[in-house]
Protein backbone atom coordinates (compact mmCIF):
# COMPACT_ATOMS: atom_id res chain seq x y z
CA MET A 1 1.53 -18.61 33.55
CA ALA A 2 3.97 -21.02 35.15
CA SER A 3 6.40 -19.67 37.72
CA GLN A 4 9.39 -18.19 35.94
CA ARG A 5 12.95 -18.54 37.19
CA GLU A 6 14.16 -15.70 34.98
CA PRO A 7 12.51 -12.28 34.61
CA TYR A 8 9.79 -12.65 32.00
CA PHE A 9 7.39 -10.46 30.08
CA ASP A 10 5.03 -11.46 27.29
CA PRO A 11 2.38 -8.96 26.10
CA TYR A 12 0.19 -11.87 24.99
CA ASP A 13 0.24 -13.75 28.31
CA VAL A 14 -3.30 -13.31 29.64
CA GLU A 15 -2.51 -14.33 33.23
CA LEU A 16 0.57 -12.11 33.42
CA ASN A 17 -1.26 -9.09 32.00
CA ALA A 18 -4.04 -9.39 34.54
CA ASP A 19 -1.39 -7.97 36.91
CA PRO A 20 1.87 -7.22 35.07
CA TYR A 21 3.45 -5.18 37.85
CA PRO A 22 5.35 -7.94 39.70
CA ALA A 23 6.88 -8.92 36.34
CA PHE A 24 7.70 -5.28 35.61
CA ARG A 25 9.45 -4.95 38.97
CA ARG A 26 11.62 -7.99 38.26
CA LEU A 27 12.55 -6.58 34.87
CA ARG A 28 13.56 -3.24 36.36
CA GLU A 29 15.70 -4.86 39.02
CA GLU A 30 17.14 -7.90 37.23
CA ALA A 31 16.85 -7.32 33.47
CA PRO A 32 16.54 -3.57 32.70
CA LEU A 33 17.27 -4.51 29.08
CA TYR A 34 15.13 -7.58 28.49
CA TYR A 35 15.00 -9.82 25.43
CA ASN A 36 12.04 -12.06 24.64
CA GLU A 37 13.29 -14.82 22.38
CA ALA A 38 9.88 -16.31 21.56
CA HIS A 39 8.55 -13.06 20.09
CA ASP A 40 11.94 -11.52 19.20
CA PHE A 41 11.72 -8.14 20.91
CA PHE A 42 13.74 -6.16 23.42
CA ALA A 43 12.16 -4.19 26.28
CA LEU A 44 13.18 -1.29 28.51
CA SER A 45 11.46 -1.01 31.87
CA ARG A 46 13.08 1.74 34.00
CA PHE A 47 11.62 5.25 33.93
CA ASP A 48 14.77 6.97 32.69
CA ASP A 49 15.36 4.39 29.94
CA VAL A 50 11.75 4.52 28.73
CA GLN A 51 11.71 8.32 28.77
CA ARG A 52 14.97 8.53 26.80
CA GLY A 53 13.65 5.98 24.32
CA LEU A 54 10.49 8.02 23.73
CA VAL A 55 12.55 11.17 23.15
CA ASP A 56 15.17 9.59 20.86
CA HIS A 57 13.08 9.50 17.69
CA GLU A 58 16.13 9.01 15.47
CA THR A 59 17.19 5.72 17.08
CA TYR A 60 13.67 4.52 17.88
CA ILE A 61 11.55 5.38 14.87
CA SER A 62 7.76 5.26 14.61
CA GLY A 63 7.49 4.98 10.83
CA ARG A 64 7.39 1.19 10.99
CA GLY A 65 4.58 1.26 13.55
CA ALA A 66 4.19 1.52 17.32
CA ILE A 67 2.87 -2.03 17.87
CA ILE A 68 5.12 -5.10 17.84
CA GLU A 69 2.90 -7.02 15.42
CA PHE A 70 2.86 -4.18 12.92
CA ILE A 71 6.62 -3.67 13.09
CA LYS A 72 7.19 -7.38 12.48
CA ALA A 73 4.78 -7.46 9.55
CA ASP A 74 6.48 -4.46 7.86
CA LEU A 75 3.18 -3.23 6.42
CA PRO A 76 2.49 0.02 4.55
CA VAL A 77 1.37 3.00 6.62
CA PRO A 78 -1.01 5.43 4.90
CA PRO A 79 -0.14 9.15 5.23
CA GLY A 80 -1.88 10.70 8.23
CA VAL A 81 -1.35 7.96 10.83
CA VAL A 82 0.48 10.47 13.02
CA ILE A 83 1.49 7.96 15.70
CA PHE A 84 3.18 5.82 13.02
CA GLU A 85 5.18 8.63 11.39
CA ASP A 86 8.60 10.26 11.69
CA PRO A 87 9.77 13.78 10.81
CA PRO A 88 9.41 15.56 8.48
CA LEU A 89 6.02 13.99 7.61
CA HIS A 90 5.06 13.65 11.26
CA THR A 91 5.89 17.31 11.90
CA VAL A 92 3.52 18.43 9.13
CA HIS A 93 0.61 16.17 10.08
CA ARG A 94 0.94 16.76 13.82
CA GLY A 95 1.02 20.49 13.24
CA LEU A 96 -2.33 20.31 11.48
CA LEU A 97 -4.02 18.32 14.23
CA SER A 98 -2.47 20.41 16.99
CA ARG A 99 -4.43 23.42 15.69
CA VAL A 100 -7.59 21.61 16.79
CA PHE A 101 -6.48 19.86 19.99
CA THR A 102 -5.28 22.89 21.94
CA PRO A 103 -5.81 22.91 25.73
CA ARG A 104 -7.97 26.02 25.36
CA LYS A 105 -10.28 24.41 22.80
CA MET A 106 -10.52 21.17 24.76
CA ASN A 107 -11.28 22.92 28.05
CA ALA A 108 -14.02 24.87 26.26
CA LEU A 109 -15.82 21.53 25.75
CA GLU A 110 -16.33 21.01 29.48
CA GLY A 111 -20.00 22.00 29.50
CA GLN A 112 -20.86 19.59 26.69
CA ILE A 113 -18.81 16.81 28.28
CA ARG A 114 -20.68 17.36 31.55
CA ASP A 115 -23.99 17.15 29.70
CA PHE A 116 -22.94 13.85 28.09
CA CYS A 117 -22.00 12.47 31.53
CA ALA A 118 -25.33 13.56 32.99
CA ARG A 119 -27.14 11.91 30.11
CA SER A 120 -25.43 8.62 30.97
CA LEU A 121 -25.58 8.86 34.77
CA ASP A 122 -28.92 10.52 35.59
CA PRO A 123 -31.00 7.46 34.60
CA LEU A 124 -28.88 5.31 36.94
CA GLU A 125 -29.71 7.20 40.13
CA GLY A 126 -31.70 5.03 42.49
CA SER A 127 -30.48 1.82 40.85
CA LYS A 128 -28.63 -1.03 42.57
CA GLY A 129 -25.56 -0.63 40.38
CA PHE A 130 -24.14 0.17 36.97
CA ASP A 131 -21.24 -0.64 34.66
CA PHE A 132 -18.42 1.89 34.51
CA ILE A 133 -17.72 0.83 30.91
CA ALA A 134 -21.09 0.13 29.30
CA ASP A 135 -22.95 2.93 31.07
CA LEU A 136 -20.32 5.69 31.02
CA GLY A 137 -16.85 4.83 29.67
CA ALA A 138 -18.12 3.59 26.32
CA GLN A 139 -20.71 6.36 26.00
CA MET A 140 -19.31 9.79 26.91
CA PRO A 141 -15.97 9.64 25.01
CA MET A 142 -17.82 8.31 21.96
CA ARG A 143 -20.19 11.28 22.01
CA VAL A 144 -17.36 13.78 22.52
CA ILE A 145 -15.34 12.40 19.59
CA GLY A 146 -18.51 12.20 17.48
CA MET A 147 -19.16 15.86 18.22
CA LEU A 148 -15.60 16.80 17.25
CA LEU A 149 -15.69 14.76 14.05
CA GLY A 150 -19.21 15.79 13.13
CA THR A 151 -20.46 12.20 12.83
CA PRO A 152 -24.22 11.80 13.33
CA GLU A 153 -25.20 10.38 16.71
CA SER A 154 -26.97 7.49 14.99
CA ASP A 155 -23.61 6.35 13.56
CA GLN A 156 -21.35 6.98 16.57
CA GLU A 157 -21.67 3.53 18.12
CA ALA A 158 -20.74 1.85 14.84
CA VAL A 159 -17.66 4.10 14.49
CA ARG A 160 -16.62 3.30 18.08
CA ASP A 161 -17.21 -0.44 17.68
CA ARG A 162 -15.12 -0.61 14.48
CA ALA A 163 -12.25 1.16 16.23
CA ASP A 164 -12.52 -1.15 19.25
CA ALA A 165 -12.67 -4.28 17.10
CA SER A 166 -9.45 -3.33 15.32
CA LEU A 167 -7.60 -3.58 18.66
CA ARG A 168 -9.12 -6.84 19.89
CA THR A 169 -7.07 -10.01 19.97
CA LYS A 170 -7.78 -13.64 20.73
CA PRO A 171 -6.58 -14.41 24.27
CA GLY A 172 -2.87 -15.15 24.27
CA GLU A 173 -2.41 -14.35 20.57
CA PRO A 174 -0.85 -11.41 18.70
CA MET A 175 -2.97 -8.91 16.81
CA GLU A 176 -3.63 -9.84 13.20
CA TYR A 177 -3.30 -7.42 10.29
CA SER A 178 -4.26 -7.90 6.67
CA ASP A 179 -1.45 -7.53 4.14
CA LYS A 180 -3.12 -4.28 3.03
CA GLY A 181 -1.93 -2.56 6.20
CA LEU A 182 -3.95 -0.27 8.43
CA PRO A 183 -7.62 0.65 7.91
CA THR A 184 -7.94 3.70 5.67
CA GLY A 185 -11.03 5.27 7.22
CA GLU A 186 -13.14 4.80 4.11
CA GLU A 187 -16.24 4.57 6.33
CA PHE A 188 -15.95 8.34 6.88
CA ALA A 189 -16.25 9.13 3.14
CA ASP A 190 -19.96 9.99 3.21
CA TYR A 191 -19.47 12.29 6.19
CA ILE A 192 -16.70 14.17 4.38
CA GLU A 193 -18.81 14.72 1.29
CA TRP A 194 -21.73 15.95 3.42
CA ARG A 195 -19.50 18.25 5.48
CA ALA A 196 -17.87 19.71 2.36
CA GLU A 197 -21.34 20.91 1.34
CA HIS A 198 -22.46 21.80 4.88
CA PRO A 199 -19.48 23.25 6.83
CA SER A 200 -19.70 23.40 10.61
CA ASP A 201 -17.59 24.08 13.68
CA ASP A 202 -15.96 20.66 13.89
CA LEU A 203 -12.70 18.85 13.18
CA MET A 204 -13.86 17.53 9.83
CA THR A 205 -14.62 21.03 8.49
CA GLU A 206 -11.30 22.34 9.83
CA LEU A 207 -9.37 19.55 8.10
CA LEU A 208 -11.23 20.11 4.83
CA ASN A 209 -10.32 23.79 4.78
CA ALA A 210 -6.83 23.74 6.31
CA GLU A 211 -4.01 25.04 4.15
CA PHE A 212 -0.48 24.01 5.10
CA GLU A 213 3.02 23.59 3.77
CA ASP A 214 3.80 19.91 3.28
CA GLU A 215 7.13 18.12 3.62
CA THR A 216 8.06 19.08 0.02
CA GLY A 217 7.47 22.80 0.63
CA THR A 218 4.19 22.79 -1.34
CA VAL A 219 1.31 24.83 0.11
CA ARG A 220 -1.86 22.80 -0.29
CA ARG A 221 -4.94 21.30 1.36
CA LEU A 222 -5.24 17.74 2.59
CA ARG A 223 -6.07 15.07 0.05
CA ARG A 224 -9.21 13.03 0.57
CA GLU A 225 -7.30 9.90 1.62
CA GLU A 226 -5.29 11.92 4.18
CA ILE A 227 -8.46 13.29 5.77
CA LEU A 228 -9.98 9.80 5.93
CA THR A 229 -6.89 8.47 7.68
CA TYR A 230 -6.83 11.39 10.13
CA LEU A 231 -10.45 10.78 11.08
CA ASN A 232 -9.85 7.06 11.52
CA VAL A 233 -6.90 7.71 13.86
CA VAL A 234 -8.77 10.29 15.95
CA ALA A 235 -11.88 8.11 16.23
CA GLY A 236 -9.85 5.16 17.50
CA ALA A 237 -7.52 7.01 19.84
CA GLY A 238 -10.23 9.23 21.27
CA ASN A 239 -12.58 6.41 22.19
CA GLU A 240 -10.47 3.52 23.42
CA THR A 241 -7.97 4.99 25.88
CA THR A 242 -10.37 7.37 27.67
CA THR A 243 -12.84 4.51 28.07
CA ARG A 244 -10.11 2.46 29.76
CA LEU A 245 -9.10 5.38 32.00
CA ILE A 246 -12.69 5.77 33.26
CA GLY A 247 -12.80 2.04 33.94
CA TRP A 248 -9.58 2.20 35.95
CA ALA A 249 -11.02 5.09 37.99
CA GLY A 250 -13.92 2.84 38.97
CA LYS A 251 -11.68 -0.09 39.88
CA VAL A 252 -8.83 1.71 41.67
CA LEU A 253 -11.08 4.00 43.72
CA ALA A 254 -13.16 1.00 44.80
CA ASP A 255 -9.89 -0.56 46.01
CA HIS A 256 -9.04 2.64 47.93
CA PRO A 257 -12.33 3.79 49.54
CA ASP A 258 -10.63 6.17 51.99
CA GLN A 259 -9.05 8.11 49.13
CA ARG A 260 -12.34 8.03 47.22
CA ALA A 261 -14.04 9.58 50.26
CA GLU A 262 -11.45 12.38 50.22
CA LEU A 263 -12.36 13.14 46.59
CA VAL A 264 -16.05 13.23 47.49
CA GLU A 265 -15.26 15.67 50.28
CA ASP A 266 -12.90 17.85 48.22
CA ALA A 267 -13.34 17.87 44.42
CA SER A 268 -10.24 20.07 44.03
CA LEU A 269 -8.20 16.88 44.58
CA ILE A 270 -9.65 15.24 41.46
CA PRO A 271 -7.17 16.63 38.85
CA GLY A 272 -4.25 15.29 40.90
CA ALA A 273 -6.06 11.98 41.35
CA ILE A 274 -6.43 11.69 37.57
CA GLU A 275 -2.67 12.10 37.12
CA GLU A 276 -2.03 9.43 39.76
CA LEU A 277 -4.55 7.13 38.06
CA LEU A 278 -2.73 7.64 34.76
CA ARG A 279 0.57 6.81 36.42
CA PHE A 280 -0.76 3.85 38.39
CA GLU A 281 -2.82 2.17 35.64
CA PRO A 282 -1.93 3.59 32.21
CA PRO A 283 -4.45 2.53 29.56
CA ALA A 284 -1.57 1.98 27.10
CA PRO A 285 1.06 0.17 29.23
CA HIS A 286 3.65 -0.13 26.46
CA VAL A 287 4.57 1.20 23.04
CA ALA A 288 6.91 -0.30 20.46
CA ARG A 289 9.56 1.21 18.21
CA TYR A 290 11.73 0.00 15.33
CA VAL A 291 15.45 0.32 16.15
CA ALA A 292 16.95 2.31 13.27
CA ARG A 293 20.60 2.06 14.39
CA ASP A 294 22.65 0.02 16.83
CA VAL A 295 22.25 1.22 20.41
CA GLU A 296 23.62 0.09 23.77
CA HIS A 297 21.75 -0.33 27.06
CA HIS A 298 23.15 -1.65 30.31
CA GLY A 299 26.30 -2.91 28.61
CA ARG A 300 24.49 -4.82 25.86
CA ARG A 301 24.04 -3.99 22.20
CA VAL A 302 20.62 -3.80 20.59
CA PRO A 303 21.17 -4.24 16.85
CA GLU A 304 19.62 -2.15 14.10
CA GLY A 305 16.42 -3.78 12.83
CA SER A 306 15.27 -4.93 16.26
CA ALA A 307 11.87 -4.23 17.80
CA MET A 308 11.96 -2.42 21.14
CA MET A 309 9.09 -2.28 23.63
CA LEU A 310 9.09 0.74 25.92
CA LEU A 311 7.24 -0.42 29.04
CA ILE A 312 5.38 2.70 30.12
CA GLY A 313 3.47 0.85 32.83
CA SER A 314 6.75 -0.29 34.35
CA GLY A 315 8.48 3.09 34.13
CA ASN A 316 5.49 4.70 35.86
CA ARG A 317 5.99 2.40 38.87
CA ASP A 318 9.79 2.76 39.05
CA ASP A 319 10.74 3.53 42.65
CA ARG A 320 13.74 5.48 41.35
CA ARG A 321 11.31 8.06 39.99
CA PHE A 322 8.22 7.53 42.17
CA PRO A 323 9.07 6.33 45.69
CA ASP A 324 6.92 3.33 46.68
CA GLY A 325 5.71 3.27 43.09
CA ASP A 326 3.28 0.36 43.56
CA ARG A 327 1.26 2.41 46.05
CA PHE A 328 -1.71 4.49 44.82
CA ASP A 329 -1.77 7.94 46.43
CA ILE A 330 -3.95 10.80 45.23
CA HIS A 331 -1.68 13.22 47.15
CA ARG A 332 1.45 12.15 45.28
CA GLU A 333 3.26 14.88 43.34
CA VAL A 334 3.25 13.03 40.03
CA ALA A 335 4.76 15.89 37.98
CA GLN A 336 5.64 13.78 34.95
CA HIS A 337 4.39 10.29 34.17
CA LEU A 338 4.82 8.51 30.84
CA SER A 339 1.20 7.61 30.08
CA PHE A 340 0.77 10.26 27.36
CA GLY A 341 4.16 9.47 25.87
CA TYR A 342 6.96 11.98 25.67
CA GLY A 343 8.78 14.05 23.06
CA ILE A 344 7.46 14.57 19.54
CA HIS A 345 4.79 11.87 19.95
CA PHE A 346 3.31 13.26 23.18
CA CYS A 347 -0.41 12.48 22.99
CA LEU A 348 -2.29 15.18 21.10
CA GLY A 349 -5.46 14.26 22.97
CA ALA A 350 -3.95 14.59 26.46
CA SER A 351 -5.85 17.80 27.25
CA LEU A 352 -9.12 16.27 26.09
CA ALA A 353 -8.55 13.04 28.06
CA ARG A 354 -7.81 15.02 31.22
CA VAL A 355 -10.93 17.14 31.04
CA GLU A 356 -13.08 14.11 30.14
CA ALA A 357 -11.72 12.08 33.06
CA ARG A 358 -12.02 14.95 35.53
CA VAL A 359 -15.60 15.75 34.59
CA ALA A 360 -16.57 12.07 34.53
CA LEU A 361 -15.18 11.53 38.02
CA GLU A 362 -16.80 14.70 39.36
CA GLU A 363 -20.17 13.62 38.01
CA VAL A 364 -19.87 10.03 39.26
CA LEU A 365 -18.79 11.02 42.78
CA LYS A 366 -21.54 13.64 43.01
CA ARG A 367 -24.17 10.95 42.45
CA PHE A 368 -22.48 7.81 43.74
CA PRO A 369 -19.99 8.44 46.57
CA GLU A 370 -19.57 4.71 47.26
CA TRP A 371 -19.50 1.52 45.20
CA GLU A 372 -17.99 -1.95 45.17
CA VAL A 373 -16.80 -3.82 42.08
CA ASP A 374 -18.73 -6.98 41.21
CA ARG A 375 -15.55 -8.99 40.73
CA ASP A 376 -17.34 -12.11 39.50
CA ARG A 377 -18.65 -10.24 36.48
CA ALA A 378 -15.80 -7.76 35.82
CA LYS A 379 -13.72 -8.70 32.78
CA LEU A 380 -10.49 -7.32 31.34
CA SER A 381 -10.43 -6.35 27.68
CA PRO A 382 -8.83 -8.86 25.25
CA THR A 383 -6.18 -6.70 23.61
CA SER A 384 -2.40 -6.62 23.71
CA THR A 385 -2.12 -2.88 23.00
CA VAL A 386 -4.32 -1.20 25.60
CA ARG A 387 -5.11 -2.58 29.03
CA GLY A 388 -8.37 -2.04 30.83
CA TRP A 389 -11.83 -3.30 31.57
CA GLU A 390 -14.24 -4.70 29.00
CA THR A 391 -16.91 -4.69 31.70
CA LEU A 392 -16.69 -3.21 35.20
CA PRO A 393 -20.05 -3.68 36.95
CA VAL A 394 -20.31 -2.07 40.38
CA VAL A 395 -22.78 -2.51 43.23
CA LEU A 396 -24.18 0.55 45.00
CA PRO A 397 -25.01 0.59 48.73
């Protein structure tokens, strides 16, 4: 990226997104309402503006998508894509999923999550190094989501890889969608039919049997296509972002070995460190909304029909909210970052992501208290929607 005289942000700029935080700082200070003419979107970068945007679901609607490319394409959204819905439909569908993703139920998975981590990490003991993504980040979340969905272990990698592929972009280019819209989850059809005949204690069985009152007031069960869409959304969201979070734990703690040593010494600091990691390097650094009515920010009008990017990664580093926001500090009182969203679209999987990340870090630090990143081989993931490591090989002492 050439040096820019004016504040500049482009989600497709590979060089900029390798370290977007200097650009985010300039936006916050010089252009808190930013307009990108080339891609025709506005962006908000300060914590308070981003938070208000996430809460104001009547001005900034999700029903046209939460990704710039999707909003621009104006494609159909199948029922059940909760993150791309508005009330009252969103209220109904979220209510169904929230029955499953309660903090209590997610915390009850800790033992199984720990077993999955051990399965990945035990064979690595005594080795010269490992890859935080290939050896752990891409494995444990996949197995946890597979367990929740009831997908056979033999099929879990294929499910994960399809979800990952749907988010990949060519470097420097927007995501491409077919004119048919989002994937419908048809690949889960055989699992549904099997589970209907063989019920179990998993998400798929719960969705098959759930009775609810829909947006028309009708009490019914989910239709087949709604269940397929639900499963597709959960499989994608549950794999990708937690994988990136685990990768960032490997990278950021290698950059801050003194703080890593504190976590080795005192595991009770790990939950707070996870919150600081989420603030410091959010796996989803921005989310988009369709502007449903004229709105004003910083003395300028944003017209109805615009696309607005809410820069979560920038808001999380805003010194107005987090003093010295570009500094990583596991002792920081984070209280409330934006990485799981806010308001009606607060991430349903937040409790699961937190317990997965905590257990993963506990298990890594127990076996490997020190590591260094092999920077020559580490590679960022090619996607404009989530930000993290495709590969993060580390060298052990």
